[in-house]
Amino acid sequence: MAFEIRNIGEALDLDTGQVVVLTPDYIKQLDDETLAQFLYESKRFAKLPKAGEEELKNRLESGKRFSMVDFGEPAKTKTIADNNARKRELVIKHGWDCVSFKSLNELKKIYGEKFEDEISDLIVIGEKNPALKWKV
């Protein structure tokens, strides 16, 4: 099967001339080669929503108005200042559970690469699911 993307969520089957609606159930029905080809071709479109959103934000910032979208309230973040004296007070009052280690990368930036060897007994190595590696 060969497809040509028509509208978002629709594709034209070039073999049959049929317009198909792309749904999760339809994708489950694709044969192996068609599924791989579909995903490979769809990667071209993966960047478009983000590019469109960035362009929309730029236009809103320049004063353009749209009927269906506007900026919402900015998100607020709360962080705790990294202050050793304050950490000591918290540990005395609440115990060690109220403070935590920095990430391994942060610790290596501060203390150097050899720091990893010093704390090797504390390092737990986990595996993530493997990513797809496209052969192009």
Protein backbone atom coordinates (compact mmCIF):
# COMPACT_ATOMS: atom_id res chain seq x y z
CA MET A 1 0.00 0.00 0.00
CA ALA A 2 1.13 3.54 -0.68
CA PHE A 3 -0.50 6.56 0.89
CA GLU A 4 -0.67 10.25 0.25
CA ILE A 5 -1.65 12.37 3.23
CA ARG A 6 -4.63 14.54 2.28
CA ASN A 7 -6.17 16.26 5.28
CA ILE A 8 -5.04 15.88 8.85
CA GLY A 9 -6.20 12.43 9.85
CA GLU A 10 -6.95 11.31 6.26
CA ALA A 11 -4.86 9.65 3.61
CA LEU A 12 -5.42 8.61 0.02
CA ASP A 13 -4.63 4.96 -0.70
CA LEU A 14 -2.77 5.32 -4.01
CA ASP A 15 -3.45 1.67 -4.91
CA THR A 16 -7.24 1.80 -4.55
CA GLY A 17 -8.00 5.53 -4.75
CA GLN A 18 -9.90 5.23 -1.48
CA VAL A 19 -9.69 7.98 1.14
CA VAL A 20 -9.14 6.39 4.54
CA VAL A 21 -9.55 7.99 7.95
CA LEU A 22 -6.48 7.31 10.03
CA THR A 23 -7.55 6.01 13.41
CA PRO A 24 -5.73 3.82 15.92
CA ASP A 25 -7.95 0.89 14.90
CA TYR A 26 -7.13 1.40 11.22
CA ILE A 27 -3.41 1.56 11.98
CA LYS A 28 -3.64 -1.78 13.83
CA GLN A 29 -4.91 -3.35 10.59
CA LEU A 30 -1.91 -2.30 8.47
CA ASP A 31 0.55 -4.95 7.37
CA ASP A 32 4.10 -4.71 8.73
CA GLU A 33 5.71 -2.99 5.74
CA THR A 34 2.85 -0.48 5.35
CA LEU A 35 2.97 0.33 9.06
CA ALA A 36 6.71 1.02 8.91
CA GLN A 37 6.28 3.11 5.75
CA PHE A 38 3.40 5.05 7.32
CA LEU A 39 5.45 5.88 10.42
CA TYR A 40 8.48 6.82 8.33
CA GLU A 41 6.40 9.20 6.19
CA SER A 42 4.54 10.64 9.17
CA LYS A 43 7.83 11.71 10.79
CA ARG A 44 7.94 14.52 8.20
CA PHE A 45 4.75 15.93 9.72
CA ALA A 46 5.75 15.52 13.36
CA LYS A 47 7.48 18.91 13.50
CA LEU A 48 4.65 20.86 11.89
CA PRO A 49 2.39 21.31 14.96
CA LYS A 50 5.27 22.68 17.04
CA ALA A 51 6.34 25.02 14.21
CA GLY A 52 2.74 26.18 13.82
CA GLU A 53 2.40 26.80 17.55
CA GLU A 54 5.63 28.84 17.62
CA GLU A 55 4.44 30.94 14.68
CA LEU A 56 1.07 31.48 16.36
CA LYS A 57 2.79 32.60 19.59
CA ASN A 58 4.98 35.02 17.61
CA ARG A 59 1.91 36.53 15.96
CA LEU A 60 0.08 36.85 19.28
CA GLU A 61 3.13 38.56 20.79
CA SER A 62 3.21 41.01 17.86
CA GLY A 63 -0.38 42.04 18.60
CA LYS A 64 -2.45 39.84 16.26
CA ARG A 65 -5.72 38.53 17.68
CA PHE A 66 -7.41 35.21 16.95
CA SER A 67 -10.97 34.16 17.71
CA MET A 68 -10.08 30.71 19.00
CA VAL A 69 -6.83 31.23 20.91
CA ASP A 70 -5.11 33.70 23.21
CA PHE A 71 -2.41 33.50 25.87
CA GLY A 72 -3.51 32.06 29.19
CA GLU A 73 -2.10 32.91 32.59
CA PRO A 74 1.62 32.16 32.83
CA ALA A 75 2.52 29.07 34.84
CA LYS A 76 4.21 29.65 38.15
CA THR A 77 6.95 27.45 39.52
CA LYS A 78 8.11 27.13 43.08
CA THR A 79 11.67 26.13 43.79
CA ILE A 80 13.57 25.89 47.04
CA ALA A 81 16.78 27.92 47.23
CA ASP A 82 19.87 25.75 47.55
CA ASN A 83 21.21 27.16 50.81
CA ASN A 84 23.41 24.89 52.96
CA ALA A 85 22.73 26.72 56.23
CA ARG A 86 18.97 26.45 55.66
CA LYS A 87 19.32 22.78 54.67
CA ARG A 88 21.15 22.11 57.93
CA GLU A 89 18.31 23.70 59.92
CA LEU A 90 15.75 21.59 58.06
CA VAL A 91 17.72 18.37 58.63
CA ILE A 92 18.00 19.13 62.37
CA LYS A 93 14.27 19.87 62.62
CA HIS A 94 12.83 17.25 60.19
CA GLY A 95 15.55 14.68 59.52
CA TRP A 96 17.43 13.67 56.35
CA ASP A 97 14.26 12.92 54.35
CA CYS A 98 13.61 16.64 53.84
CA VAL A 99 16.69 17.02 51.63
CA SER A 100 17.80 14.94 48.66
CA PHE A 101 20.79 14.36 46.41
CA LYS A 102 21.33 16.37 43.29
CA SER A 103 21.36 14.37 40.06
CA LEU A 104 24.52 12.48 39.19
CA ASN A 105 25.25 14.92 36.35
CA GLU A 106 24.86 17.92 38.67
CA LEU A 107 27.19 16.34 41.24
CA LYS A 108 29.80 15.57 38.56
CA LYS A 109 29.67 19.20 37.36
CA ILE A 110 30.32 20.42 40.90
CA TYR A 111 32.89 17.84 42.06
CA GLY A 112 34.34 16.51 38.80
CA GLU A 113 34.06 13.24 36.87
CA LYS A 114 35.91 11.23 39.55
CA PHE A 115 33.06 11.89 41.98
CA GLU A 116 31.10 9.09 40.24
CA ASP A 117 33.75 6.58 41.33
CA GLU A 118 33.50 7.85 44.90
CA ILE A 119 29.75 7.16 45.07
CA SER A 120 29.64 4.11 42.78
CA ASP A 121 28.05 2.02 45.56
CA LEU A 122 25.03 4.38 45.53
CA ILE A 123 24.43 4.37 41.77
CA VAL A 124 21.51 2.31 40.52
CA ILE A 125 21.52 1.64 36.77
CA GLY A 126 18.14 1.16 35.12
CA GLU A 127 17.19 0.55 31.52
CA LYS A 128 14.59 2.35 29.50
CA ASN A 129 12.67 0.85 26.63
CA PRO A 130 14.74 1.03 23.46
CA ALA A 131 13.92 3.83 21.02
CA LEU A 132 13.14 3.18 17.39
CA LYS A 133 16.20 3.52 15.18
CA TRP A 134 15.22 4.35 11.62
CA LYS A 135 17.45 3.01 8.84
CA VAL A 136 17.62 5.72 6.21
